[in-house]
Amino acid sequence: MKPLLLLANAFINTFGITQPTEAAAKRASQFIAVLIGLVLLVFLGVAGVGVYILMRH
């Protein structure tokens, strides 16, 4: 979770947001991890459908 905490803190510091508590920062990093996972799943799903369509024709 360290890289995700670093990413969350970079975002917070860039936009001048008030520093969150340790628990809120951890929650934010978990949220970022879930979003990254969802983006990867969508990307892999679209790629899978593309490969399926190409192989079908």
PDB file of N, CA and C in Angstrom:
ATOM      1  N   MET A   1       0.814  -1.205   0.000  1.00  0.00           N
ATOM      2  CA  MET A   1       0.000   0.000   0.000  1.00  0.00           C
ATOM      3  C   MET A   1       0.855   1.265   0.000  1.00  0.00           C
ATOM      4  N   LYS A   2       2.133   1.146   0.232  1.00  0.00           N
ATOM      5  CA  LYS A   2       2.990   2.335   0.274  1.00  0.00           C
ATOM      6  C   LYS A   2       2.942   3.141  -1.033  1.00  0.00           C
ATOM      7  N   PRO A   3       3.057   2.490  -2.208  1.00  0.00           N
ATOM      8  CA  PRO A   3       2.996   3.289  -3.440  1.00  0.00           C
ATOM      9  C   PRO A   3       1.652   4.006  -3.599  1.00  0.00           C
ATOM     10  N   LEU A   4       0.584   3.362  -3.164  1.00  0.00           N
ATOM     11  CA  LEU A   4      -0.728   3.996  -3.264  1.00  0.00           C
ATOM     12  C   LEU A   4      -0.869   5.148  -2.281  1.00  0.00           C
ATOM     13  N   LEU A   5      -0.288   5.009  -1.092  1.00  0.00           N
ATOM     14  CA  LEU A   5      -0.292   6.121  -0.140  1.00  0.00           C
ATOM     15  C   LEU A   5       0.514   7.293  -0.691  1.00  0.00           C
ATOM     16  N   LEU A   6       1.631   6.985  -1.350  1.00  0.00           N
ATOM     17  CA  LEU A   6       2.441   8.022  -1.979  1.00  0.00           C
ATOM     18  C   LEU A   6       1.641   8.739  -3.061  1.00  0.00           C
ATOM     19  N   LEU A   7       0.909   7.976  -3.859  1.00  0.00           N
ATOM     20  CA  LEU A   7       0.072   8.562  -4.903  1.00  0.00           C
ATOM     21  C   LEU A   7      -1.036   9.430  -4.310  1.00  0.00           C
ATOM     22  N   ALA A   8      -1.686   8.951  -3.272  1.00  0.00           N
ATOM     23  CA  ALA A   8      -2.747   9.723  -2.631  1.00  0.00           C
ATOM     24  C   ALA A   8      -2.192  11.011  -2.027  1.00  0.00           C
ATOM     25  N   ASN A   9      -1.045  10.922  -1.374  1.00  0.00           N
ATOM     26  CA  ASN A   9      -0.439  12.114  -0.783  1.00  0.00           C
ATOM     27  C   ASN A   9       0.021  13.105  -1.846  1.00  0.00           C
ATOM     28  N   ALA A  10       0.513  12.607  -2.965  1.00  0.00           N
ATOM     29  CA  ALA A  10       0.917  13.497  -4.057  1.00  0.00           C
ATOM     30  C   ALA A  10      -0.295  14.257  -4.584  1.00  0.00           C
ATOM     31  N   PHE A  11      -1.414  13.583  -4.733  1.00  0.00           N
ATOM     32  CA  PHE A  11      -2.636  14.236  -5.189  1.00  0.00           C
ATOM     33  C   PHE A  11      -3.089  15.288  -4.184  1.00  0.00           C
ATOM     34  N   ILE A  12      -3.068  14.927  -2.920  1.00  0.00           N
ATOM     35  CA  ILE A  12      -3.505  15.841  -1.860  1.00  0.00           C
ATOM     36  C   ILE A  12      -2.610  17.082  -1.820  1.00  0.00           C
ATOM     37  N   ASN A  13      -1.311  16.871  -1.904  1.00  0.00           N
ATOM     38  CA  ASN A  13      -0.380  17.998  -1.850  1.00  0.00           C
ATOM     39  C   ASN A  13      -0.437  18.860  -3.108  1.00  0.00           C
ATOM     40  N   THR A  14      -0.668  18.245  -4.258  1.00  0.00           N
ATOM     41  CA  THR A  14      -0.733  19.002  -5.513  1.00  0.00           C
ATOM     42  C   THR A  14      -1.901  19.977  -5.506  1.00  0.00           C
ATOM     43  N   PHE A  15      -3.043  19.535  -5.026  1.00  0.00           N
ATOM     44  CA  PHE A  15      -4.235  20.360  -5.070  1.00  0.00           C
ATOM     45  C   PHE A  15      -4.488  21.134  -3.777  1.00  0.00           C
ATOM     46  N   GLY A  16      -3.569  21.047  -2.835  1.00  0.00           N
ATOM     47  CA  GLY A  16      -3.677  21.838  -1.614  1.00  0.00           C
ATOM     48  C   GLY A  16      -4.805  21.426  -0.695  1.00  0.00           C
ATOM     49  N   ILE A  17      -5.147  20.167  -0.736  1.00  0.00           N
ATOM     50  CA  ILE A  17      -6.214  19.655   0.126  1.00  0.00           C
ATOM     51  C   ILE A  17      -5.646  19.482   1.538  1.00  0.00           C
ATOM     52  N   THR A  18      -6.482  19.718   2.532  1.00  0.00           N
ATOM     53  CA  THR A  18      -6.070  19.536   3.926  1.00  0.00           C
ATOM     54  C   THR A  18      -5.608  18.105   4.137  1.00  0.00           C
ATOM     55  N   GLN A  19      -4.501  17.949   4.845  1.00  0.00           N
ATOM     56  CA  GLN A  19      -3.948  16.612   5.089  1.00  0.00           C
ATOM     57  C   GLN A  19      -4.954  15.765   5.870  1.00  0.00           C
ATOM     58  N   PRO A  20      -5.243  14.562   5.375  1.00  0.00           N
ATOM     59  CA  PRO A  20      -6.196  13.690   6.075  1.00  0.00           C
ATOM     60  C   PRO A  20      -5.526  12.971   7.244  1.00  0.00           C
ATOM     61  N   THR A  21      -6.352  12.358   8.052  1.00  0.00           N
ATOM     62  CA  THR A  21      -5.823  11.521   9.123  1.00  0.00           C
ATOM     63  C   THR A  21      -5.199  10.269   8.502  1.00  0.00           C
ATOM     64  N   GLU A  22      -4.487   9.515   9.297  1.00  0.00           N
ATOM     65  CA  GLU A  22      -3.844   8.288   8.800  1.00  0.00           C
ATOM     66  C   GLU A  22      -4.889   7.298   8.281  1.00  0.00           C
ATOM     67  N   ALA A  23      -6.004   7.184   8.999  1.00  0.00           N
ATOM     68  CA  ALA A  23      -7.064   6.262   8.571  1.00  0.00           C
ATOM     69  C   ALA A  23      -7.686   6.710   7.258  1.00  0.00           C
ATOM     70  N   ALA A  24      -7.905   8.004   7.097  1.00  0.00           N
ATOM     71  CA  ALA A  24      -8.490   8.509   5.859  1.00  0.00           C
ATOM     72  C   ALA A  24      -7.530   8.334   4.689  1.00  0.00           C
ATOM     73  N   ALA A  25      -6.238   8.497   4.930  1.00  0.00           N
ATOM     74  CA  ALA A  25      -5.246   8.294   3.873  1.00  0.00           C
ATOM     75  C   ALA A  25      -5.210   6.832   3.448  1.00  0.00           C
ATOM     76  N   LYS A  26      -5.325   5.932   4.408  1.00  0.00           N
ATOM     77  CA  LYS A  26      -5.343   4.500   4.082  1.00  0.00           C
ATOM     78  C   LYS A  26      -6.601   4.154   3.283  1.00  0.00           C
ATOM     79  N   ARG A  27      -7.729   4.728   3.666  1.00  0.00           N
ATOM     80  CA  ARG A  27      -8.981   4.502   2.946  1.00  0.00           C
ATOM     81  C   ARG A  27      -8.879   5.029   1.520  1.00  0.00           C
ATOM     82  N   ALA A  28      -8.251   6.177   1.354  1.00  0.00           N
ATOM     83  CA  ALA A  28      -8.072   6.747   0.018  1.00  0.00           C
ATOM     84  C   ALA A  28      -7.188   5.849  -0.840  1.00  0.00           C
ATOM     85  N   SER A  29      -6.140   5.289  -0.258  1.00  0.00           N
ATOM     86  CA  SER A  29      -5.264   4.410  -1.032  1.00  0.00           C
ATOM     87  C   SER A  29      -5.991   3.123  -1.422  1.00  0.00           C
ATOM     88  N   GLN A  30      -6.854   2.625  -0.559  1.00  0.00           N
ATOM     89  CA  GLN A  30      -7.649   1.446  -0.908  1.00  0.00           C
ATOM     90  C   GLN A  30      -8.629   1.768  -2.025  1.00  0.00           C
ATOM     91  N   PHE A  31      -9.219   2.941  -2.002  1.00  0.00           N
ATOM     92  CA  PHE A  31     -10.131   3.379  -3.045  1.00  0.00           C
ATOM     93  C   PHE A  31      -9.399   3.468  -4.379  1.00  0.00           C
ATOM     94  N   ILE A  32      -8.187   4.017  -4.356  1.00  0.00           N
ATOM     95  CA  ILE A  32      -7.381   4.113  -5.573  1.00  0.00           C
ATOM     96  C   ILE A  32      -7.063   2.716  -6.103  1.00  0.00           C
ATOM     97  N   ALA A  33      -6.742   1.787  -5.214  1.00  0.00           N
ATOM     98  CA  ALA A  33      -6.436   0.419  -5.628  1.00  0.00           C
ATOM     99  C   ALA A  33      -7.646  -0.229  -6.304  1.00  0.00           C
ATOM    100  N   VAL A  34      -8.828  -0.010  -5.756  1.00  0.00           N
ATOM    101  CA  VAL A  34     -10.043  -0.564  -6.347  1.00  0.00           C
ATOM    102  C   VAL A  34     -10.282   0.041  -7.731  1.00  0.00           C
ATOM    103  N   LEU A  35     -10.104   1.350  -7.859  1.00  0.00           N
ATOM    104  CA  LEU A  35     -10.301   1.991  -9.166  1.00  0.00           C
ATOM    105  C   LEU A  35      -9.318   1.472 -10.205  1.00  0.00           C
ATOM    106  N   ILE A  36      -8.055   1.323  -9.821  1.00  0.00           N
ATOM    107  CA  ILE A  36      -7.055   0.788 -10.750  1.00  0.00           C
ATOM    108  C   ILE A  36      -7.431  -0.635 -11.161  1.00  0.00           C
ATOM    109  N   GLY A  37      -7.873  -1.435 -10.205  1.00  0.00           N
ATOM    110  CA  GLY A  37      -8.304  -2.796 -10.511  1.00  0.00           C
ATOM    111  C   GLY A  37      -9.482  -2.832 -11.466  1.00  0.00           C
ATOM    112  N   LEU A  38     -10.448  -1.947 -11.265  1.00  0.00           N
ATOM    113  CA  LEU A  38     -11.604  -1.896 -12.160  1.00  0.00           C
ATOM    114  C   LEU A  38     -11.208  -1.469 -13.573  1.00  0.00           C
ATOM    115  N   VAL A  39     -10.316  -0.507 -13.670  1.00  0.00           N
ATOM    116  CA  VAL A  39      -9.850  -0.075 -14.994  1.00  0.00           C
ATOM    117  C   VAL A  39      -9.153  -1.235 -15.703  1.00  0.00           C
ATOM    118  N   LEU A  40      -8.325  -1.982 -14.983  1.00  0.00           N
ATOM    119  CA  LEU A  40      -7.647  -3.126 -15.588  1.00  0.00           C
ATOM    120  C   LEU A  40      -8.635  -4.197 -16.034  1.00  0.00           C
ATOM    121  N   LEU A  41      -9.647  -4.458 -15.228  1.00  0.00           N
ATOM    122  CA  LEU A  41     -10.659  -5.445 -15.604  1.00  0.00           C
ATOM    123  C   LEU A  41     -11.422  -5.028 -16.850  1.00  0.00           C
ATOM    124  N   VAL A  42     -11.789  -3.762 -16.932  1.00  0.00           N
ATOM    125  CA  VAL A  42     -12.501  -3.267 -18.111  1.00  0.00           C
ATOM    126  C   VAL A  42     -11.596  -3.374 -19.338  1.00  0.00           C
ATOM    127  N   PHE A  43     -10.334  -2.967 -19.193  1.00  0.00           N
ATOM    128  CA  PHE A  43      -9.392  -3.041 -20.303  1.00  0.00           C
ATOM    129  C   PHE A  43      -9.228  -4.482 -20.787  1.00  0.00           C
ATOM    130  N   LEU A  44      -9.046  -5.411 -19.852  1.00  0.00           N
ATOM    131  CA  LEU A  44      -8.887  -6.815 -20.230  1.00  0.00           C
ATOM    132  C   LEU A  44     -10.162  -7.376 -20.856  1.00  0.00           C
ATOM    133  N   GLY A  45     -11.309  -6.951 -20.368  1.00  0.00           N
ATOM    134  CA  GLY A  45     -12.577  -7.392 -20.950  1.00  0.00           C
ATOM    135  C   GLY A  45     -12.745  -6.915 -22.379  1.00  0.00           C
ATOM    136  N   VAL A  46     -12.428  -5.643 -22.628  1.00  0.00           N
ATOM    137  CA  VAL A  46     -12.529  -5.100 -23.981  1.00  0.00           C
ATOM    138  C   VAL A  46     -11.524  -5.795 -24.900  1.00  0.00           C
ATOM    139  N   ALA A  47     -10.315  -6.013 -24.414  1.00  0.00           N
ATOM    140  CA  ALA A  47      -9.306  -6.709 -25.214  1.00  0.00           C
ATOM    141  C   ALA A  47      -9.750  -8.140 -25.510  1.00  0.00           C
ATOM    142  N   GLY A  48     -10.333  -8.794 -24.529  1.00  0.00           N
ATOM    143  CA  GLY A  48     -10.824 -10.161 -24.734  1.00  0.00           C
ATOM    144  C   GLY A  48     -11.923 -10.223 -25.776  1.00  0.00           C
ATOM    145  N   VAL A  49     -12.849  -9.288 -25.727  1.00  0.00           N
ATOM    146  CA  VAL A  49     -13.914  -9.244 -26.729  1.00  0.00           C
ATOM    147  C   VAL A  49     -13.319  -8.959 -28.106  1.00  0.00           C
ATOM    148  N   GLY A  50     -12.347  -8.063 -28.177  1.00  0.00           N
ATOM    149  CA  GLY A  50     -11.688  -7.759 -29.448  1.00  0.00           C
ATOM    150  C   GLY A  50     -11.002  -8.974 -30.031  1.00  0.00           C
ATOM    151  N   VAL A  51     -10.272  -9.711 -29.209  1.00  0.00           N
ATOM    152  CA  VAL A  51      -9.606 -10.914 -29.677  1.00  0.00           C
ATOM    153  C   VAL A  51     -10.633 -11.955 -30.121  1.00  0.00           C
ATOM    154  N   TYR A  52     -11.695 -12.089 -29.385  1.00  0.00           N
ATOM    155  CA  TYR A  52     -12.751 -13.044 -29.751  1.00  0.00           C
ATOM    156  C   TYR A  52     -13.340 -12.696 -31.113  1.00  0.00           C
ATOM    157  N   ILE A  53     -13.629 -11.410 -31.320  1.00  0.00           N
ATOM    158  CA  ILE A  53     -14.203 -10.994 -32.619  1.00  0.00           C
ATOM    159  C   ILE A  53     -13.213 -11.225 -33.746  1.00  0.00           C
ATOM    160  N   LEU A  54     -11.946 -10.909 -33.526  1.00  0.00           N
ATOM    161  CA  LEU A  54     -10.944 -11.131 -34.568  1.00  0.00           C
ATOM    162  C   LEU A  54     -10.770 -12.608 -34.893  1.00  0.00           C
ATOM    163  N   MET A  55     -10.792 -13.458 -33.896  1.00  0.00           N
ATOM    164  CA  MET A  55     -10.590 -14.887 -34.128  1.00  0.00           C
ATOM    165  C   MET A  55     -11.824 -15.543 -34.760  1.00  0.00           C
ATOM    166  N   ARG A  56     -12.974 -14.944 -34.557  1.00  0.00           N
ATOM    167  CA  ARG A  56     -14.220 -15.503 -35.070  1.00  0.00           C
ATOM    168  C   ARG A  56     -14.346 -15.313 -36.574  1.00  0.00           C
ATOM    169  N   HIS A  57     -13.759 -14.235 -37.081  1.00  0.00           N
ATOM    170  CA  HIS A  57     -13.889 -13.951 -38.522  1.00  0.00           C
ATOM    171  C   HIS A  57     -12.735 -14.472 -39.284  1.00  0.00           C
TER     172      HIS A  57
END
